[in-house]
Amino acid sequence: MPGTYDGKELTSRVANIQDQTYPHVDNLAPIEDITLADRVPYARHVLVGLNLFVMQMAQQFGSLLGVQDFSARFPAGTETSMATAQSSVTQLAREQTATIQITSVDRTAVNLDVAVLVTNLAGHKFPSGVGFRRAFVEFTVRDAEGRALWTSGRTSPLGVILDGNGAPLETELSKTNWQPHYELIERQDQVQIYEERHLDDADELTTSFFGLFTKVKDNRLTPRGWDPNGPDTDEMQSVGAENDPRYQDGSGSDEVRYRVPLSAIPNAARVEARLYYQAIPPYFLSDRFAGAPTGEGSQRLHYIASRLNTEGTATEGWRLEITSASRPIAP
């Protein structure tokens, strides 16, 4: 419940009545009886989550979704509720969701060893909500001109995670394989993805709420203070990250180590780490279009998702950047 918006303190009247700010009418009550005091401080109820993707769909396809974006009755210069909500989502993502740090960069005789620390700032698991949302780390080694020499977690313009050859990871649209939780990453087709995945009763990966049969992965970042031995935590335990001490110590963090052969990164000068979030991963849309009936709802979703313009927005490339860090590589 922030008391500011866009860096300015918020004020508001106690109620909304026909006071002296409205056009004059006959038999108006005395001004002193209808003058409302400003409330200072005043806090907004900002419960927006991070699904900026759907907000952009509502703005770009409002008529198709039945969303009224603006009313002619609003005073000139009034921002739409969707615009203010989108601004709040971006601020929440960048300032209150997670941090990422490059805690060490070491060059051995044959490898570059880098440690990346991701820390959850939310009071619950991240990502949270429906089980198909995911966050992932993009780790890149660059030369002095900024060219990428080695990357784990880069994506296509549609948000599909790619390997070192620019092809989709084998796990991206697979029904049987998924990226495990990593403590050490040594190849470009290994990516740290924070997510929850389930198999259905046919032992295939699914995002259908009706088919969640066996949880096979849950390495979502735990909140600070999480106690795996606390009461009623059976359904909240990590799956696939049980042996990672960061998921047991209550720090709400995860450390990923990257080991890159020096032979693969000539003239390396800098390392970067970025944390991205996807409310609508490509595999979720693939499931909807492949398994859903060819009805009006499916056709509408396909039309909107295939035409959504993310260029120049916070979700460009179908991913929302949460945070980033970089460090030079010592000679």
C-alpha atoms as a PDB file:
ATOM      1  CA  MET A   1       0.000   0.000   0.000  1.00  0.00           C
ATOM      2  CA  PRO A   2       2.386   2.753  -1.182  1.00  0.00           C
ATOM      3  CA  GLY A   3       1.792   6.363  -0.238  1.00  0.00           C
ATOM      4  CA  THR A   4       3.400   7.711  -3.406  1.00  0.00           C
ATOM      5  CA  TYR A   5       2.899   7.369  -7.150  1.00  0.00           C
ATOM      6  CA  ASP A   6       5.512   8.302  -9.723  1.00  0.00           C
ATOM      7  CA  GLY A   7       7.588   9.805  -6.931  1.00  0.00           C
ATOM      8  CA  LYS A   8       4.825  12.120  -5.671  1.00  0.00           C
ATOM      9  CA  GLU A   9       2.995  11.979  -2.344  1.00  0.00           C
ATOM     10  CA  LEU A  10      -0.633  10.940  -2.632  1.00  0.00           C
ATOM     11  CA  THR A  11      -3.579  12.831  -1.172  1.00  0.00           C
ATOM     12  CA  SER A  12      -7.292  12.084  -1.358  1.00  0.00           C
ATOM     13  CA  ARG A  13     -10.545  13.382   0.055  1.00  0.00           C
ATOM     14  CA  VAL A  14     -12.367  11.293   2.601  1.00  0.00           C
ATOM     15  CA  ALA A  15     -15.373  10.752   0.327  1.00  0.00           C
ATOM     16  CA  ASN A  16     -16.723  11.661  -3.101  1.00  0.00           C
ATOM     17  CA  ILE A  17     -19.632  14.083  -2.876  1.00  0.00           C
ATOM     18  CA  GLN A  18     -20.951  16.954  -4.942  1.00  0.00           C
ATOM     19  CA  ASP A  19     -18.684  19.600  -3.446  1.00  0.00           C
ATOM     20  CA  GLN A  20     -17.449  22.960  -4.708  1.00  0.00           C
ATOM     21  CA  THR A  21     -15.328  21.295  -7.412  1.00  0.00           C
ATOM     22  CA  TYR A  22     -18.493  20.278  -9.304  1.00  0.00           C
ATOM     23  CA  PRO A  23     -20.434  22.632 -11.600  1.00  0.00           C
ATOM     24  CA  HIS A  24     -22.710  25.039  -9.727  1.00  0.00           C
ATOM     25  CA  VAL A  25     -26.253  23.909  -9.044  1.00  0.00           C
ATOM     26  CA  ASP A  26     -29.200  25.589  -7.375  1.00  0.00           C
ATOM     27  CA  ASN A  27     -29.742  25.015  -3.660  1.00  0.00           C
ATOM     28  CA  LEU A  28     -26.118  24.026  -3.086  1.00  0.00           C
ATOM     29  CA  ALA A  29     -25.325  23.517   0.598  1.00  0.00           C
ATOM     30  CA  PRO A  30     -23.021  26.042   2.283  1.00  0.00           C
ATOM     31  CA  ILE A  31     -19.400  25.615   1.181  1.00  0.00           C
ATOM     32  CA  GLU A  32     -18.221  24.947   4.715  1.00  0.00           C
ATOM     33  CA  ASP A  33     -20.611  21.998   4.922  1.00  0.00           C
ATOM     34  CA  ILE A  34     -19.404  20.292   1.763  1.00  0.00           C
ATOM     35  CA  THR A  35     -15.678  21.012   1.837  1.00  0.00           C
ATOM     36  CA  LEU A  36     -13.792  17.770   2.412  1.00  0.00           C
ATOM     37  CA  ALA A  37     -10.357  17.672   3.979  1.00  0.00           C
ATOM     38  CA  ASP A  38      -7.515  15.944   2.168  1.00  0.00           C
ATOM     39  CA  ARG A  39      -6.263  12.726   3.706  1.00  0.00           C
ATOM     40  CA  VAL A  40      -2.509  12.816   4.240  1.00  0.00           C
ATOM     41  CA  PRO A  41      -0.959  10.297   4.169  1.00  0.00           C
ATOM     42  CA  TYR A  42      -3.095   8.333   1.705  1.00  0.00           C
ATOM     43  CA  ALA A  43      -2.174   4.831   0.511  1.00  0.00           C
ATOM     44  CA  ARG A  44      -3.177   3.030  -2.668  1.00  0.00           C
ATOM     45  CA  HIS A  45      -4.257  -0.601  -2.657  1.00  0.00           C
ATOM     46  CA  VAL A  46      -1.740  -2.037  -5.144  1.00  0.00           C
ATOM     47  CA  LEU A  47      -2.437  -5.759  -5.555  1.00  0.00           C
ATOM     48  CA  VAL A  48      -1.282  -6.171  -9.134  1.00  0.00           C
ATOM     49  CA  GLY A  49       0.967  -9.230  -9.397  1.00  0.00           C
ATOM     50  CA  LEU A  50       3.331  -9.426 -12.375  1.00  0.00           C
ATOM     51  CA  ASN A  51       1.065 -10.473 -15.242  1.00  0.00           C
ATOM     52  CA  LEU A  52       1.924  -7.533 -17.460  1.00  0.00           C
ATOM     53  CA  PHE A  53       1.373  -9.757 -20.500  1.00  0.00           C
ATOM     54  CA  VAL A  54      -2.389  -9.993 -19.933  1.00  0.00           C
ATOM     55  CA  MET A  55      -2.579  -6.262 -19.195  1.00  0.00           C
ATOM     56  CA  GLN A  56      -1.011  -5.545 -22.559  1.00  0.00           C
ATOM     57  CA  MET A  57      -3.457  -7.922 -24.215  1.00  0.00           C
ATOM     58  CA  ALA A  58      -6.321  -5.985 -22.617  1.00  0.00           C
ATOM     59  CA  GLN A  59      -4.922  -2.691 -23.872  1.00  0.00           C
ATOM     60  CA  GLN A  60      -4.174  -3.845 -27.413  1.00  0.00           C
ATOM     61  CA  PHE A  61      -7.310  -5.967 -27.856  1.00  0.00           C
ATOM     62  CA  GLY A  62      -9.756  -4.239 -25.525  1.00  0.00           C
ATOM     63  CA  SER A  63     -12.718  -4.371 -27.884  1.00  0.00           C
ATOM     64  CA  LEU A  64     -12.191  -8.088 -28.517  1.00  0.00           C
ATOM     65  CA  LEU A  65     -12.005  -8.788 -24.771  1.00  0.00           C
ATOM     66  CA  GLY A  66     -14.793  -6.404 -23.792  1.00  0.00           C
ATOM     67  CA  VAL A  67     -12.457  -4.162 -21.772  1.00  0.00           C
ATOM     68  CA  GLN A  68     -13.283  -0.463 -21.704  1.00  0.00           C
ATOM     69  CA  ASP A  69      -9.981   1.369 -21.611  1.00  0.00           C
ATOM     70  CA  PHE A  70     -11.158   4.964 -21.347  1.00  0.00           C
ATOM     71  CA  SER A  71     -14.286   7.001 -20.762  1.00  0.00           C
ATOM     72  CA  ALA A  72     -15.052  10.351 -22.370  1.00  0.00           C
ATOM     73  CA  ARG A  73     -16.317  11.462 -18.963  1.00  0.00           C
ATOM     74  CA  PHE A  74     -12.814  11.401 -17.488  1.00  0.00           C
ATOM     75  CA  PRO A  75     -11.157  14.837 -17.074  1.00  0.00           C
ATOM     76  CA  ALA A  76      -8.510  15.715 -19.628  1.00  0.00           C
ATOM     77  CA  GLY A  77      -5.095  14.337 -18.739  1.00  0.00           C
ATOM     78  CA  THR A  78      -6.470  11.462 -16.654  1.00  0.00           C
ATOM     79  CA  GLU A  79      -4.416   8.277 -16.885  1.00  0.00           C
ATOM     80  CA  THR A  80      -6.374   5.086 -17.435  1.00  0.00           C
ATOM     81  CA  SER A  81      -6.511   2.558 -14.633  1.00  0.00           C
ATOM     82  CA  MET A  82      -4.759   0.054 -16.896  1.00  0.00           C
ATOM     83  CA  ALA A  83      -1.869   2.475 -17.476  1.00  0.00           C
ATOM     84  CA  THR A  84      -1.394   3.152 -13.774  1.00  0.00           C
ATOM     85  CA  ALA A  85      -1.644  -0.561 -13.007  1.00  0.00           C
ATOM     86  CA  GLN A  86       0.978  -1.324 -15.662  1.00  0.00           C
ATOM     87  CA  SER A  87       3.290   1.271 -14.134  1.00  0.00           C
ATOM     88  CA  SER A  88       2.788  -0.324 -10.725  1.00  0.00           C
ATOM     89  CA  VAL A  89       3.530  -3.798 -12.088  1.00  0.00           C
ATOM     90  CA  THR A  90       6.800  -2.610 -13.605  1.00  0.00           C
ATOM     91  CA  GLN A  91       7.804  -0.911 -10.358  1.00  0.00           C
ATOM     92  CA  LEU A  92       6.898  -4.021  -8.341  1.00  0.00           C
ATOM     93  CA  ALA A  93       8.943  -6.204 -10.678  1.00  0.00           C
ATOM     94  CA  ARG A  94      12.051  -4.015 -10.588  1.00  0.00           C
ATOM     95  CA  GLU A  95      12.069  -2.968  -6.926  1.00  0.00           C
ATOM     96  CA  GLN A  96      10.252  -5.503  -4.754  1.00  0.00           C
ATOM     97  CA  THR A  97      10.491  -8.931  -6.382  1.00  0.00           C
ATOM     98  CA  ALA A  98      14.065 -10.236  -6.383  1.00  0.00           C
ATOM     99  CA  THR A  99      17.718  -9.250  -6.588  1.00  0.00           C
ATOM    100  CA  ILE A 100      20.581 -10.820  -8.484  1.00  0.00           C
ATOM    101  CA  GLN A 101      24.279 -10.517  -7.682  1.00  0.00           C
ATOM    102  CA  ILE A 102      27.474 -11.794  -9.250  1.00  0.00           C
ATOM    103  CA  THR A 103      29.325 -12.661  -6.077  1.00  0.00           C
ATOM    104  CA  SER A 104      32.571 -13.999  -7.545  1.00  0.00           C
ATOM    105  CA  VAL A 105      34.424 -14.167 -10.858  1.00  0.00           C
ATOM    106  CA  ASP A 106      37.462 -16.460 -10.869  1.00  0.00           C
ATOM    107  CA  ARG A 107      39.716 -17.430 -13.754  1.00  0.00           C
ATOM    108  CA  THR A 108      41.513 -20.777 -13.428  1.00  0.00           C
ATOM    109  CA  ALA A 109      43.964 -22.291 -15.885  1.00  0.00           C
ATOM    110  CA  VAL A 110      41.163 -23.732 -18.012  1.00  0.00           C
ATOM    111  CA  ASN A 111      37.835 -22.269 -16.860  1.00  0.00           C
ATOM    112  CA  LEU A 112      35.993 -19.130 -15.893  1.00  0.00           C
ATOM    113  CA  ASP A 113      34.069 -19.780 -12.672  1.00  0.00           C
ATOM    114  CA  VAL A 114      31.274 -17.356 -11.765  1.00  0.00           C
ATOM    115  CA  ALA A 115      28.839 -17.455  -8.825  1.00  0.00           C
ATOM    116  CA  VAL A 116      25.410 -15.831  -9.203  1.00  0.00           C
ATOM    117  CA  LEU A 117      23.155 -15.240  -6.191  1.00  0.00           C
ATOM    118  CA  VAL A 118      19.393 -14.751  -6.656  1.00  0.00           C
ATOM    119  CA  THR A 119      17.412 -13.557  -3.618  1.00  0.00           C
ATOM    120  CA  ASN A 120      13.636 -13.533  -3.243  1.00  0.00           C
ATOM    121  CA  LEU A 121      12.147 -10.287  -1.864  1.00  0.00           C
ATOM    122  CA  ALA A 122       8.520 -11.449  -1.877  1.00  0.00           C
ATOM    123  CA  GLY A 123       6.778 -12.859   1.182  1.00  0.00           C
ATOM    124  CA  HIS A 124       5.948 -16.075  -0.686  1.00  0.00           C
ATOM    125  CA  LYS A 125       7.512 -18.344  -3.256  1.00  0.00           C
ATOM    126  CA  PHE A 126       8.652 -16.753  -6.504  1.00  0.00           C
ATOM    127  CA  PRO A 127       7.164 -17.269  -9.005  1.00  0.00           C
ATOM    128  CA  SER A 128       3.823 -17.872  -7.333  1.00  0.00           C
ATOM    129  CA  GLY A 129       0.232 -18.290  -8.438  1.00  0.00           C
ATOM    130  CA  VAL A 130      -0.689 -20.779 -11.143  1.00  0.00           C
ATOM    131  CA  GLY A 131       1.924 -23.458 -11.674  1.00  0.00           C
ATOM    132  CA  PHE A 132       2.990 -22.662 -15.216  1.00  0.00           C
ATOM    133  CA  ARG A 133       4.574 -19.283 -14.462  1.00  0.00           C
ATOM    134  CA  ARG A 134       8.352 -19.282 -14.494  1.00  0.00           C
ATOM    135  CA  ALA A 135      11.447 -17.175 -13.916  1.00  0.00           C
ATOM    136  CA  PHE A 136      14.879 -17.929 -15.328  1.00  0.00           C
ATOM    137  CA  VAL A 137      18.461 -16.663 -15.280  1.00  0.00           C
ATOM    138  CA  GLU A 138      20.165 -15.473 -18.440  1.00  0.00           C
ATOM    139  CA  PHE A 139      23.930 -15.609 -17.916  1.00  0.00           C
ATOM    140  CA  THR A 140      26.193 -14.147 -20.611  1.00  0.00           C
ATOM    141  CA  VAL A 141      29.929 -13.781 -21.155  1.00  0.00           C
ATOM    142  CA  ARG A 142      30.749 -10.817 -23.423  1.00  0.00           C
ATOM    143  CA  ASP A 143      33.871  -9.429 -25.082  1.00  0.00           C
ATOM    144  CA  ALA A 144      34.991  -5.796 -24.814  1.00  0.00           C
ATOM    145  CA  GLU A 145      32.709  -4.799 -27.726  1.00  0.00           C
ATOM    146  CA  GLY A 146      29.666  -6.305 -26.015  1.00  0.00           C
ATOM    147  CA  ARG A 147      29.367  -9.358 -28.255  1.00  0.00           C
ATOM    148  CA  ALA A 148      27.962 -12.458 -26.561  1.00  0.00           C
ATOM    149  CA  LEU A 149      30.510 -15.280 -26.473  1.00  0.00           C
ATOM    150  CA  TRP A 150      28.637 -17.769 -24.282  1.00  0.00           C
ATOM    151  CA  THR A 151      25.068 -17.667 -22.954  1.00  0.00           C
ATOM    152  CA  SER A 152      22.834 -19.803 -20.785  1.00  0.00           C
ATOM    153  CA  GLY A 153      19.196 -18.729 -20.900  1.00  0.00           C
ATOM    154  CA  ARG A 154      18.946 -16.551 -23.999  1.00  0.00           C
ATOM    155  CA  THR A 155      15.582 -16.490 -25.733  1.00  0.00           C
ATOM    156  CA  SER A 156      13.948 -16.074 -29.116  1.00  0.00           C
ATOM    157  CA  PRO A 157      11.703 -13.059 -29.878  1.00  0.00           C
ATOM    158  CA  LEU A 158       8.770 -15.225 -28.713  1.00  0.00           C
ATOM    159  CA  GLY A 159      10.333 -16.045 -25.346  1.00  0.00           C
ATOM    160  CA  VAL A 160      11.470 -19.579 -26.223  1.00  0.00           C
ATOM    161  CA  ILE A 161      14.697 -20.445 -24.373  1.00  0.00           C
ATOM    162  CA  LEU A 162      17.498 -21.383 -26.781  1.00  0.00           C
ATOM    163  CA  ASP A 163      20.678 -23.444 -26.640  1.00  0.00           C
ATOM    164  CA  GLY A 164      24.145 -22.417 -27.767  1.00  0.00           C
ATOM    165  CA  ASN A 165      23.294 -23.028 -31.420  1.00  0.00           C
ATOM    166  CA  GLY A 166      20.195 -20.833 -31.345  1.00  0.00           C
ATOM    167  CA  ALA A 167      17.782 -23.780 -31.369  1.00  0.00           C
ATOM    168  CA  PRO A 168      15.002 -24.214 -28.793  1.00  0.00           C
ATOM    169  CA  LEU A 169      16.014 -26.262 -25.781  1.00  0.00           C
ATOM    170  CA  GLU A 170      14.842 -29.852 -26.075  1.00  0.00           C
ATOM    171  CA  THR A 171      12.912 -29.268 -22.851  1.00  0.00           C
ATOM    172  CA  GLU A 172      10.977 -26.196 -24.026  1.00  0.00           C
ATOM    173  CA  LEU A 173       8.004 -27.966 -25.597  1.00  0.00           C
ATOM    174  CA  SER A 174       8.740 -31.503 -24.409  1.00  0.00           C
ATOM    175  CA  LYS A 175       6.069 -33.648 -22.790  1.00  0.00           C
ATOM    176  CA  THR A 176       8.554 -35.843 -20.951  1.00  0.00           C
ATOM    177  CA  ASN A 177      11.691 -33.810 -20.167  1.00  0.00           C
ATOM    178  CA  TRP A 178      12.268 -30.673 -18.138  1.00  0.00           C
ATOM    179  CA  GLN A 179      15.239 -28.630 -16.976  1.00  0.00           C
ATOM    180  CA  PRO A 180      16.354 -29.859 -13.549  1.00  0.00           C
ATOM    181  CA  HIS A 181      17.407 -27.588 -10.710  1.00  0.00           C
ATOM    182  CA  TYR A 182      21.090 -26.738 -11.125  1.00  0.00           C
ATOM    183  CA  GLU A 183      23.789 -25.838  -8.642  1.00  0.00           C
ATOM    184  CA  LEU A 184      26.466 -25.928 -11.369  1.00  0.00           C
ATOM    185  CA  ILE A 185      25.909 -25.041 -15.044  1.00  0.00           C
ATOM    186  CA  GLU A 186      28.580 -25.972 -17.583  1.00  0.00           C
ATOM    187  CA  ARG A 187      26.723 -25.959 -20.939  1.00  0.00           C
ATOM    188  CA  GLN A 188      24.639 -23.458 -22.854  1.00  0.00           C
ATOM    189  CA  ASP A 189      21.696 -25.870 -23.000  1.00  0.00           C
ATOM    190  CA  GLN A 190      21.551 -25.925 -19.189  1.00  0.00           C
ATOM    191  CA  VAL A 191      19.393 -23.123 -17.758  1.00  0.00           C
ATOM    192  CA  GLN A 192      18.316 -22.307 -14.229  1.00  0.00           C
ATOM    193  CA  ILE A 193      14.518 -22.064 -14.451  1.00  0.00           C
ATOM    194  CA  TYR A 194      12.511 -21.429 -11.291  1.00  0.00           C
ATOM    195  CA  GLU A 195       9.185 -23.181 -11.833  1.00  0.00           C
ATOM    196  CA  GLU A 196       6.677 -25.804 -10.797  1.00  0.00           C
ATOM    197  CA  ARG A 197       6.036 -28.711 -13.204  1.00  0.00           C
ATOM    198  CA  HIS A 198       3.575 -31.603 -13.060  1.00  0.00           C
ATOM    199  CA  LEU A 199       2.911 -34.872 -14.856  1.00  0.00           C
ATOM    200  CA  ASP A 200      -0.592 -36.071 -15.682  1.00  0.00           C
ATOM    201  CA  ASP A 201      -1.817 -39.620 -15.157  1.00  0.00           C
ATOM    202  CA  ALA A 202      -0.184 -40.621 -18.454  1.00  0.00           C
ATOM    203  CA  ASP A 203       3.223 -39.418 -17.181  1.00  0.00           C
ATOM    204  CA  GLU A 204       3.289 -36.433 -19.537  1.00  0.00           C
ATOM    205  CA  LEU A 205       4.006 -32.843 -18.536  1.00  0.00           C
ATOM    206  CA  THR A 206       0.842 -30.792 -18.325  1.00  0.00           C
ATOM    207  CA  THR A 207      -0.374 -27.295 -17.434  1.00  0.00           C
ATOM    208  CA  SER A 208      -4.020 -28.334 -17.191  1.00  0.00           C
ATOM    209  CA  PHE A 209      -5.499 -27.811 -13.728  1.00  0.00           C
ATOM    210  CA  PHE A 210      -7.502 -31.001 -14.256  1.00  0.00           C
ATOM    211  CA  GLY A 211      -4.403 -33.077 -15.022  1.00  0.00           C
ATOM    212  CA  LEU A 212      -1.978 -32.235 -12.205  1.00  0.00           C
ATOM    213  CA  PHE A 213      -1.165 -35.747 -11.013  1.00  0.00           C
ATOM    214  CA  THR A 214       2.490 -35.817  -9.888  1.00  0.00           C
ATOM    215  CA  LYS A 215       4.681 -32.833  -9.010  1.00  0.00           C
ATOM    216  CA  VAL A 216       8.117 -33.471 -10.510  1.00  0.00           C
ATOM    217  CA  LYS A 217       9.750 -30.109  -9.974  1.00  0.00           C
ATOM    218  CA  ASP A 218       9.328 -27.152  -7.635  1.00  0.00           C
ATOM    219  CA  ASN A 219      12.499 -25.103  -7.249  1.00  0.00           C
ATOM    220  CA  ARG A 220      10.696 -21.797  -6.943  1.00  0.00           C
ATOM    221  CA  LEU A 221      12.591 -19.430  -4.675  1.00  0.00           C
ATOM    222  CA  THR A 222      11.405 -19.802  -1.108  1.00  0.00           C
ATOM    223  CA  PRO A 223      10.670 -16.672   0.953  1.00  0.00           C
ATOM    224  CA  ARG A 224      13.069 -15.401   3.559  1.00  0.00           C
ATOM    225  CA  GLY A 225      12.465 -17.222   6.827  1.00  0.00           C
ATOM    226  CA  TRP A 226      11.107 -20.361   5.171  1.00  0.00           C
ATOM    227  CA  ASP A 227      11.418 -23.363   7.487  1.00  0.00           C
ATOM    228  CA  PRO A 228      11.045 -26.732   5.741  1.00  0.00           C
ATOM    229  CA  ASN A 229      10.319 -28.299   9.128  1.00  0.00           C
ATOM    230  CA  GLY A 230       7.526 -25.895   9.986  1.00  0.00           C
ATOM    231  CA  PRO A 231       3.906 -26.970  10.514  1.00  0.00           C
ATOM    232  CA  ASP A 232       1.682 -27.800   7.543  1.00  0.00           C
ATOM    233  CA  THR A 233       4.502 -27.514   5.002  1.00  0.00           C
ATOM    234  CA  ASP A 234       3.984 -30.834   3.201  1.00  0.00           C
ATOM    235  CA  GLU A 235       2.563 -29.246   0.053  1.00  0.00           C
ATOM    236  CA  MET A 236       5.131 -26.436   0.096  1.00  0.00           C
ATOM    237  CA  GLN A 237       8.312 -28.502   0.033  1.00  0.00           C
ATOM    238  CA  SER A 238      10.768 -28.042  -2.806  1.00  0.00           C
ATOM    239  CA  VAL A 239      10.933 -30.840  -5.345  1.00  0.00           C
ATOM    240  CA  GLY A 240      14.208 -31.423  -7.169  1.00  0.00           C
ATOM    241  CA  ALA A 241      16.072 -28.909  -4.988  1.00  0.00           C
ATOM    242  CA  GLU A 242      15.867 -30.796  -1.691  1.00  0.00           C
ATOM    243  CA  ASN A 243      19.639 -31.208  -1.469  1.00  0.00           C
ATOM    244  CA  ASP A 244      20.445 -27.570  -2.210  1.00  0.00           C
ATOM    245  CA  PRO A 245      21.302 -26.012   1.183  1.00  0.00           C
ATOM    246  CA  ARG A 246      19.956 -22.626   0.057  1.00  0.00           C
ATOM    247  CA  TYR A 247      16.466 -24.129   0.012  1.00  0.00           C
ATOM    248  CA  GLN A 248      16.789 -25.234   3.627  1.00  0.00           C
ATOM    249  CA  ASP A 249      18.508 -22.320   5.390  1.00  0.00           C
ATOM    250  CA  GLY A 250      15.709 -19.731   5.346  1.00  0.00           C
ATOM    251  CA  SER A 251      17.732 -17.214   3.319  1.00  0.00           C
ATOM    252  CA  GLY A 252      15.196 -17.089   0.476  1.00  0.00           C
ATOM    253  CA  SER A 253      18.059 -17.311  -2.004  1.00  0.00           C
ATOM    254  CA  ASP A 254      19.697 -19.570  -4.562  1.00  0.00           C
ATOM    255  CA  GLU A 255      23.306 -19.651  -5.735  1.00  0.00           C
ATOM    256  CA  VAL A 256      24.103 -20.875  -9.235  1.00  0.00           C
ATOM    257  CA  ARG A 257      27.702 -21.461 -10.298  1.00  0.00           C
ATOM    258  CA  TYR A 258      28.695 -21.196 -13.958  1.00  0.00           C
ATOM    259  CA  ARG A 259      31.824 -22.908 -15.286  1.00  0.00           C
ATOM    260  CA  VAL A 260      32.799 -21.839 -18.809  1.00  0.00           C
ATOM    261  CA  PRO A 261      35.863 -23.204 -20.682  1.00  0.00           C
ATOM    262  CA  LEU A 262      38.287 -20.384 -21.490  1.00  0.00           C
ATOM    263  CA  SER A 263      38.727 -21.918 -24.940  1.00  0.00           C
ATOM    264  CA  ALA A 264      35.064 -21.038 -25.682  1.00  0.00           C
ATOM    265  CA  ILE A 265      35.320 -17.375 -24.653  1.00  0.00           C
ATOM    266  CA  PRO A 266      38.362 -15.725 -26.281  1.00  0.00           C
ATOM    267  CA  ASN A 267      38.773 -12.053 -25.315  1.00  0.00           C
ATOM    268  CA  ALA A 268      36.128 -12.339 -22.596  1.00  0.00           C
ATOM    269  CA  ALA A 269      35.795  -9.025 -20.755  1.00  0.00           C
ATOM    270  CA  ARG A 270      32.537  -9.017 -18.778  1.00  0.00           C
ATOM    271  CA  VAL A 271      29.863 -11.287 -17.357  1.00  0.00           C
ATOM    272  CA  GLU A 272      26.179 -10.414 -17.031  1.00  0.00           C
ATOM    273  CA  ALA A 273      23.288 -12.050 -15.190  1.00  0.00           C
ATOM    274  CA  ARG A 274      19.625 -11.175 -15.715  1.00  0.00           C
ATOM    275  CA  LEU A 275      16.519 -12.568 -14.067  1.00  0.00           C
ATOM    276  CA  TYR A 276      13.458 -12.783 -16.318  1.00  0.00           C
ATOM    277  CA  TYR A 277       9.832 -13.657 -15.626  1.00  0.00           C
ATOM    278  CA  GLN A 278       7.177 -15.175 -17.879  1.00  0.00           C
ATOM    279  CA  ALA A 279       3.536 -15.301 -16.809  1.00  0.00           C
ATOM    280  CA  ILE A 280       2.669 -17.052 -20.097  1.00  0.00           C
ATOM    281  CA  PRO A 281       5.560 -19.340 -21.132  1.00  0.00           C
ATOM    282  CA  PRO A 282       5.568 -20.766 -24.670  1.00  0.00           C
ATOM    283  CA  TYR A 283       4.822 -24.287 -23.431  1.00  0.00           C
ATOM    284  CA  PHE A 284       1.618 -23.068 -21.774  1.00  0.00           C
ATOM    285  CA  LEU A 285       0.321 -21.580 -25.027  1.00  0.00           C
ATOM    286  CA  SER A 286       1.380 -24.731 -26.877  1.00  0.00           C
ATOM    287  CA  ASP A 287      -0.660 -26.825 -24.441  1.00  0.00           C
ATOM    288  CA  ARG A 288      -3.708 -24.606 -24.866  1.00  0.00           C
ATOM    289  CA  PHE A 289      -3.645 -24.661 -28.638  1.00  0.00           C
ATOM    290  CA  ALA A 290      -2.858 -28.376 -28.930  1.00  0.00           C
ATOM    291  CA  GLY A 291      -5.200 -29.726 -26.310  1.00  0.00           C
ATOM    292  CA  ALA A 292      -8.094 -27.274 -26.159  1.00  0.00           C
ATOM    293  CA  PRO A 293     -11.222 -27.595 -28.310  1.00  0.00           C
ATOM    294  CA  THR A 294     -11.311 -25.436 -31.425  1.00  0.00           C
ATOM    295  CA  GLY A 295     -13.912 -23.177 -29.884  1.00  0.00           C
ATOM    296  CA  GLU A 296     -14.325 -19.437 -29.747  1.00  0.00           C
ATOM    297  CA  GLY A 297     -12.207 -19.034 -26.598  1.00  0.00           C
ATOM    298  CA  SER A 298      -9.239 -20.944 -28.004  1.00  0.00           C
ATOM    299  CA  GLN A 299      -9.435 -19.097 -31.294  1.00  0.00           C
ATOM    300  CA  ARG A 300      -9.560 -15.760 -29.487  1.00  0.00           C
ATOM    301  CA  LEU A 301      -6.500 -16.618 -27.367  1.00  0.00           C
ATOM    302  CA  HIS A 302      -4.602 -17.777 -30.450  1.00  0.00           C
ATOM    303  CA  TYR A 303      -5.497 -14.587 -32.319  1.00  0.00           C
ATOM    304  CA  ILE A 304      -4.397 -12.325 -29.463  1.00  0.00           C
ATOM    305  CA  ALA A 305      -1.232 -14.200 -28.490  1.00  0.00           C
ATOM    306  CA  SER A 306       0.002 -14.447 -32.070  1.00  0.00           C
ATOM    307  CA  ARG A 307      -0.543 -10.720 -32.676  1.00  0.00           C
ATOM    308  CA  LEU A 308       0.476  -9.157 -29.362  1.00  0.00           C
ATOM    309  CA  ASN A 309       3.050  -6.443 -29.995  1.00  0.00           C
ATOM    310  CA  THR A 310       5.673  -6.423 -27.244  1.00  0.00           C
ATOM    311  CA  GLU A 311       8.235  -4.325 -29.134  1.00  0.00           C
ATOM    312  CA  GLY A 312       9.392  -1.355 -27.104  1.00  0.00           C
ATOM    313  CA  THR A 313       7.519  -2.509 -23.972  1.00  0.00           C
ATOM    314  CA  ALA A 314       8.687  -3.975 -20.662  1.00  0.00           C
ATOM    315  CA  THR A 315       7.756  -7.429 -22.008  1.00  0.00           C
ATOM    316  CA  GLU A 316       9.702  -7.175 -25.267  1.00  0.00           C
ATOM    317  CA  GLY A 317      10.621 -10.669 -26.384  1.00  0.00           C
ATOM    318  CA  TRP A 318       7.807 -12.147 -24.265  1.00  0.00           C
ATOM    319  CA  ARG A 319       9.806 -11.790 -21.055  1.00  0.00           C
ATOM    320  CA  LEU A 320       9.739  -9.295 -18.184  1.00  0.00           C
ATOM    321  CA  GLU A 321      13.131  -8.342 -16.778  1.00  0.00           C
ATOM    322  CA  ILE A 322      13.160  -8.374 -12.992  1.00  0.00           C
ATOM    323  CA  THR A 323      16.751  -7.418 -12.233  1.00  0.00           C
ATOM    324  CA  SER A 324      20.295  -7.590 -13.601  1.00  0.00           C
ATOM    325  CA  ALA A 325      23.943  -7.408 -12.600  1.00  0.00           C
ATOM    326  CA  SER A 326      27.314  -7.328 -14.359  1.00  0.00           C
ATOM    327  CA  ARG A 327      31.011  -7.510 -13.477  1.00  0.00           C
ATOM    328  CA  PRO A 328      34.253  -7.156 -15.406  1.00  0.00           C
ATOM    329  CA  ILE A 329      36.603 -10.103 -15.797  1.00  0.00           C
ATOM    330  CA  ALA A 330      40.049  -9.405 -14.401  1.00  0.00           C
ATOM    331  CA  PRO A 331      42.899  -9.961 -16.893  1.00  0.00           C
END
